[in-house]
Amino acid sequence: MFEPFIPDNFEAPKRFDTESFHFSVLEEAVAELDFDAVMSSQQRLQGVFGPESEWPKPSMTLEENTESLKVHKREFESRVAFAYSMFNNSNDKCLGSVYIDPSQSPKYDCEVYLWVRDDAIALDTARYHTVFDWLKKDWPFSKVAFPGRSISWADWVVTLKVT
């Protein structure tokens, strides 16, 4: 398990609102909507956490997803990682997720992974810029990595080997 990677005096936001969507803590209360978002986009999402990642497996169940969300909530409460659901403003559709994790590379403060469901792909670029700006403005990070996005997977692997 990771150690907290944010200052003791920093309170991680539990919610962040934009005009088109909002982020809230990823937790089991949203399991069904999250599961629908994940499985509706399952093929495209494979590899979002790296070329070797098998998440989400086609056989993933709602129960497995619920357990995963419980882990994300505990990590958030322990301040060791921060995962958010992205919802439309009517709060009836999960559009994707954002994960803010401690960096595995000493060159970065954190690494961020994000995904959006297939039928909301038009929001992908805006969501990326929103998260980038949010982390820069409201979080205590100066060096943020978006593996597979702002840094290629090949370059990320090289970065991880540099000590």
Protein backbone atom coordinates (compact mmCIF):
# COMPACT_ATOMS: atom_id res chain seq x y z
CA MET A 1 0.00 0.00 0.00
CA PHE A 2 1.18 3.50 -0.77
CA GLU A 3 1.89 6.18 1.80
CA PRO A 4 0.00 9.48 1.59
CA PHE A 5 1.61 11.61 -1.12
CA ILE A 6 -0.07 14.90 -0.38
CA PRO A 7 0.80 17.29 2.47
CA ASP A 8 -0.94 16.66 5.78
CA ASN A 9 -2.63 20.06 5.60
CA PHE A 10 -4.11 19.48 2.12
CA GLU A 11 -7.74 18.41 1.99
CA ALA A 12 -8.48 16.54 -1.24
CA PRO A 13 -11.66 17.85 -2.86
CA LYS A 14 -14.60 15.49 -2.62
CA ARG A 15 -16.30 17.13 -5.60
CA PHE A 16 -15.40 19.32 -8.55
CA ASP A 17 -18.02 20.94 -10.79
CA THR A 18 -17.81 22.17 -14.37
CA GLU A 19 -20.50 23.42 -16.74
CA SER A 20 -20.79 20.05 -18.51
CA PHE A 21 -19.98 17.48 -15.84
CA HIS A 22 -18.77 16.99 -12.29
CA PHE A 23 -16.40 14.73 -10.41
CA SER A 24 -17.24 13.07 -7.12
CA VAL A 25 -15.43 10.48 -5.01
CA LEU A 26 -15.53 7.06 -6.67
CA GLU A 27 -17.40 4.82 -4.24
CA GLU A 28 -19.67 1.80 -4.13
CA ALA A 29 -22.81 3.97 -4.11
CA VAL A 30 -22.29 4.53 -7.85
CA ALA A 31 -21.39 0.91 -8.65
CA GLU A 32 -24.24 0.20 -11.07
CA LEU A 33 -23.79 3.40 -13.07
CA ASP A 34 -20.00 2.97 -13.07
CA PHE A 35 -20.33 -0.66 -14.17
CA ASP A 36 -22.59 0.36 -17.05
CA ALA A 37 -20.06 2.98 -18.16
CA VAL A 38 -17.13 0.56 -17.93
CA MET A 39 -18.78 -2.35 -19.69
CA SER A 40 -20.34 -0.20 -22.42
CA SER A 41 -16.80 0.81 -23.37
CA GLN A 42 -14.90 -2.30 -22.26
CA GLN A 43 -12.92 -2.97 -25.45
CA ARG A 44 -11.66 0.60 -25.86
CA LEU A 45 -10.78 0.88 -22.17
CA GLN A 46 -8.42 -2.09 -22.13
CA GLY A 47 -4.95 -0.67 -21.81
CA VAL A 48 -6.00 2.63 -20.20
CA PHE A 49 -3.70 1.72 -17.27
CA GLY A 50 -0.93 0.52 -19.56
CA PRO A 51 -0.42 -1.80 -22.50
CA GLU A 52 -0.20 -4.83 -20.19
CA SER A 53 -3.39 -3.98 -18.26
CA GLU A 54 -6.31 -6.33 -18.75
CA TRP A 55 -8.82 -4.04 -17.03
CA PRO A 56 -11.68 -4.21 -17.63
CA LYS A 57 -12.00 -7.89 -18.36
CA PRO A 58 -15.04 -8.86 -20.43
CA SER A 59 -16.05 -11.22 -17.61
CA MET A 60 -15.99 -8.55 -14.89
CA THR A 61 -19.10 -8.69 -12.70
CA LEU A 62 -21.01 -5.97 -10.92
CA GLU A 63 -19.86 -7.50 -7.63
CA GLU A 64 -16.20 -7.28 -8.67
CA ASN A 65 -16.72 -3.70 -9.73
CA THR A 66 -18.38 -2.86 -6.42
CA GLU A 67 -15.45 -4.33 -4.48
CA SER A 68 -13.03 -2.30 -6.59
CA LEU A 69 -14.96 0.89 -5.83
CA LYS A 70 -14.81 0.12 -2.10
CA VAL A 71 -11.01 -0.10 -2.41
CA HIS A 72 -10.90 3.26 -4.22
CA LYS A 73 -12.96 4.87 -1.46
CA ARG A 74 -10.69 3.45 1.27
CA GLU A 75 -7.63 4.73 -0.63
CA PHE A 76 -9.24 8.17 -0.83
CA GLU A 77 -10.05 8.19 2.87
CA SER A 78 -6.48 7.06 3.66
CA ARG A 79 -5.08 9.78 1.34
CA VAL A 80 -2.98 7.29 -0.62
CA ALA A 81 -4.79 7.64 -3.98
CA PHE A 82 -7.75 9.65 -5.25
CA ALA A 83 -10.35 8.31 -7.65
CA TYR A 84 -13.33 10.24 -8.96
CA SER A 85 -16.43 9.37 -10.95
CA MET A 86 -17.36 11.76 -13.71
CA PHE A 87 -21.11 12.36 -13.99
CA ASN A 88 -23.37 14.42 -16.19
CA ASN A 89 -24.97 17.35 -14.39
CA SER A 90 -28.27 15.52 -13.89
CA ASN A 91 -26.23 12.87 -12.03
CA ASP A 92 -27.96 9.98 -13.79
CA LYS A 93 -25.11 8.84 -16.05
CA CYS A 94 -21.52 7.98 -15.23
CA LEU A 95 -19.36 9.41 -18.00
CA GLY A 96 -16.00 8.05 -16.85
CA SER A 97 -13.42 8.19 -14.08
CA VAL A 98 -10.24 9.98 -13.01
CA TYR A 99 -7.49 8.34 -10.93
CA ILE A 100 -4.79 10.38 -9.19
CA ASP A 101 -2.08 8.04 -7.93
CA PRO A 102 1.37 8.47 -6.40
CA SER A 103 3.96 8.47 -9.14
CA GLN A 104 6.05 5.40 -9.70
CA SER A 105 8.64 7.72 -11.22
CA PRO A 106 10.76 10.09 -9.13
CA LYS A 107 10.41 12.66 -11.94
CA TYR A 108 6.70 13.22 -11.17
CA ASP A 109 4.54 14.00 -8.14
CA CYS A 110 1.62 11.93 -9.34
CA GLU A 111 0.37 9.93 -12.28
CA VAL A 112 -3.15 10.41 -13.58
CA TYR A 113 -5.32 8.04 -15.57
CA LEU A 114 -8.68 8.94 -17.01
CA TRP A 115 -11.28 7.40 -19.21
CA VAL A 116 -14.60 8.35 -20.68
CA ARG A 117 -17.36 6.05 -21.89
CA ASP A 118 -17.74 5.51 -25.64
CA ASP A 119 -20.95 7.52 -26.02
CA ALA A 120 -19.33 10.53 -24.27
CA ILE A 121 -16.03 10.41 -26.17
CA ALA A 122 -16.64 13.96 -27.41
CA LEU A 123 -15.92 15.12 -23.82
CA ASP A 124 -12.52 13.42 -23.69
CA THR A 125 -10.32 16.36 -24.67
CA ALA A 126 -12.25 18.88 -22.56
CA ARG A 127 -12.13 16.52 -19.58
CA TYR A 128 -8.36 16.02 -19.98
CA HIS A 129 -7.76 19.79 -20.02
CA THR A 130 -10.14 20.27 -17.10
CA VAL A 131 -8.28 17.69 -14.99
CA PHE A 132 -4.90 19.12 -16.02
CA ASP A 133 -5.96 22.65 -15.01
CA TRP A 134 -7.66 21.45 -11.81
CA LEU A 135 -4.54 19.63 -10.64
CA LYS A 136 -2.37 22.64 -11.46
CA LYS A 137 -4.66 25.12 -9.69
CA ASP A 138 -6.13 23.25 -6.72
CA TRP A 139 -3.74 20.40 -5.92
CA PRO A 140 -0.19 20.47 -4.45
CA PHE A 141 1.47 18.97 -7.53
CA SER A 142 4.00 20.63 -9.80
CA LYS A 143 4.90 17.63 -11.98
CA VAL A 144 1.93 15.58 -13.19
CA ALA A 145 2.26 12.60 -15.54
CA PHE A 146 -0.57 11.36 -17.72
CA PRO A 147 0.92 8.02 -18.86
CA GLY A 148 -0.38 6.98 -22.24
CA ARG A 149 -1.55 10.52 -22.90
CA SER A 150 0.94 13.35 -22.26
CA ILE A 151 3.75 10.82 -22.13
CA SER A 152 3.78 7.75 -24.36
CA TRP A 153 3.76 4.32 -22.76
CA ALA A 154 7.22 3.65 -24.19
CA ASP A 155 8.60 6.87 -22.67
CA TRP A 156 6.81 6.16 -19.39
CA VAL A 157 8.55 2.78 -19.12
CA VAL A 158 11.90 4.52 -19.65
CA THR A 159 11.00 7.10 -16.99
CA LEU A 160 10.25 4.32 -14.52
CA LYS A 161 13.68 2.82 -15.07
CA VAL A 162 15.43 6.10 -14.28
CA THR A 163 16.28 6.36 -10.58
